[in-house]
Amino acid sequence: MESTEGGAKAIDVYIYAGIAVGLAIGLLFAPQSGVETRTMLREKALQLQAKAAEVAEKLK
């Protein structure tokens, strides 16, 4: 019988990606100035990049 651990990890990646997309859409519709929104998106993207690198390292 095959282990589903790899499938569970893939689902985690999809969940994080979905959360990131949801946050980005929420920020785009937030009542803030464009500069504030872009700054916040940039910060969240950097956080997501760090988290993705962490998850990728764990998958190795």
C-alpha atoms as a PDB file:
ATOM      1  CA  MET A   1       0.000   0.000   0.000  1.00  0.00           C
ATOM      2  CA  GLU A   2       1.339   3.443  -0.931  1.00  0.00           C
ATOM      3  CA  SER A   3       2.005   6.172   1.584  1.00  0.00           C
ATOM      4  CA  THR A   4      -0.171   9.239   1.267  1.00  0.00           C
ATOM      5  CA  GLU A   5       2.348  11.485   3.010  1.00  0.00           C
ATOM      6  CA  GLY A   6       3.479  13.010  -0.310  1.00  0.00           C
ATOM      7  CA  GLY A   7      -0.130  13.704  -1.259  1.00  0.00           C
ATOM      8  CA  ALA A   8      -0.802  15.362   2.078  1.00  0.00           C
ATOM      9  CA  LYS A   9       2.210  17.637   1.610  1.00  0.00           C
ATOM     10  CA  ALA A  10       0.991  18.599  -1.856  1.00  0.00           C
ATOM     11  CA  ILE A  11      -2.398  19.480  -0.405  1.00  0.00           C
ATOM     12  CA  ASP A  12      -0.677  21.688   2.175  1.00  0.00           C
ATOM     13  CA  VAL A  13       1.087  23.560  -0.631  1.00  0.00           C
ATOM     14  CA  TYR A  14      -2.236  24.089  -2.414  1.00  0.00           C
ATOM     15  CA  ILE A  15      -3.829  25.325   0.789  1.00  0.00           C
ATOM     16  CA  TYR A  16      -1.045  27.875   1.326  1.00  0.00           C
ATOM     17  CA  ALA A  17      -1.290  28.965  -2.303  1.00  0.00           C
ATOM     18  CA  GLY A  18      -5.055  29.383  -1.934  1.00  0.00           C
ATOM     19  CA  ILE A  19      -4.605  31.437   1.203  1.00  0.00           C
ATOM     20  CA  ALA A  20      -2.073  33.658  -0.567  1.00  0.00           C
ATOM     21  CA  VAL A  21      -4.398  34.208  -3.517  1.00  0.00           C
ATOM     22  CA  GLY A  22      -7.290  34.969  -1.179  1.00  0.00           C
ATOM     23  CA  LEU A  23      -5.193  37.479   0.744  1.00  0.00           C
ATOM     24  CA  ALA A  24      -4.054  39.150  -2.456  1.00  0.00           C
ATOM     25  CA  ILE A  25      -7.619  39.494  -3.732  1.00  0.00           C
ATOM     26  CA  GLY A  26      -8.752  40.816  -0.363  1.00  0.00           C
ATOM     27  CA  LEU A  27      -5.992  43.400  -0.383  1.00  0.00           C
ATOM     28  CA  LEU A  28      -6.861  44.525  -3.889  1.00  0.00           C
ATOM     29  CA  PHE A  29     -10.426  45.263  -2.804  1.00  0.00           C
ATOM     30  CA  ALA A  30      -9.424  46.877   0.498  1.00  0.00           C
ATOM     31  CA  PRO A  31     -10.240  50.574   0.936  1.00  0.00           C
ATOM     32  CA  GLN A  32      -6.610  51.743   0.908  1.00  0.00           C
ATOM     33  CA  SER A  33      -4.519  53.873  -1.367  1.00  0.00           C
ATOM     34  CA  GLY A  34      -2.663  52.209  -4.214  1.00  0.00           C
ATOM     35  CA  VAL A  35       0.715  52.849  -2.606  1.00  0.00           C
ATOM     36  CA  GLU A  36      -0.368  51.250   0.679  1.00  0.00           C
ATOM     37  CA  THR A  37      -1.859  48.269  -1.126  1.00  0.00           C
ATOM     38  CA  ARG A  38       1.243  47.695  -3.265  1.00  0.00           C
ATOM     39  CA  THR A  39       3.481  47.953  -0.211  1.00  0.00           C
ATOM     40  CA  MET A  40       1.346  45.448   1.675  1.00  0.00           C
ATOM     41  CA  LEU A  41       1.277  43.078  -1.319  1.00  0.00           C
ATOM     42  CA  ARG A  42       5.043  43.296  -1.649  1.00  0.00           C
ATOM     43  CA  GLU A  43       5.495  42.435   2.038  1.00  0.00           C
ATOM     44  CA  LYS A  44       3.055  39.523   1.836  1.00  0.00           C
ATOM     45  CA  ALA A  45       4.767  38.231  -1.317  1.00  0.00           C
ATOM     46  CA  LEU A  46       8.124  38.245   0.460  1.00  0.00           C
ATOM     47  CA  GLN A  47       6.597  36.379   3.402  1.00  0.00           C
ATOM     48  CA  LEU A  48       5.022  33.865   1.038  1.00  0.00           C
ATOM     49  CA  GLN A  49       8.321  33.414  -0.782  1.00  0.00           C
ATOM     50  CA  ALA A  50      10.078  32.668   2.506  1.00  0.00           C
ATOM     51  CA  LYS A  51       7.333  30.226   3.524  1.00  0.00           C
ATOM     52  CA  ALA A  52       7.462  28.500   0.128  1.00  0.00           C
ATOM     53  CA  ALA A  53      11.233  28.120   0.426  1.00  0.00           C
ATOM     54  CA  GLU A  54      10.762  26.644   3.891  1.00  0.00           C
ATOM     55  CA  VAL A  55       8.149  24.163   2.659  1.00  0.00           C
ATOM     56  CA  ALA A  56      10.294  23.238  -0.345  1.00  0.00           C
ATOM     57  CA  GLU A  57      13.257  22.596   1.945  1.00  0.00           C
ATOM     58  CA  LYS A  58      11.109  20.358   4.160  1.00  0.00           C
ATOM     59  CA  LEU A  59       9.916  18.419   1.108  1.00  0.00           C
ATOM     60  CA  LYS A  60      13.517  17.666   0.151  1.00  0.00           C
END
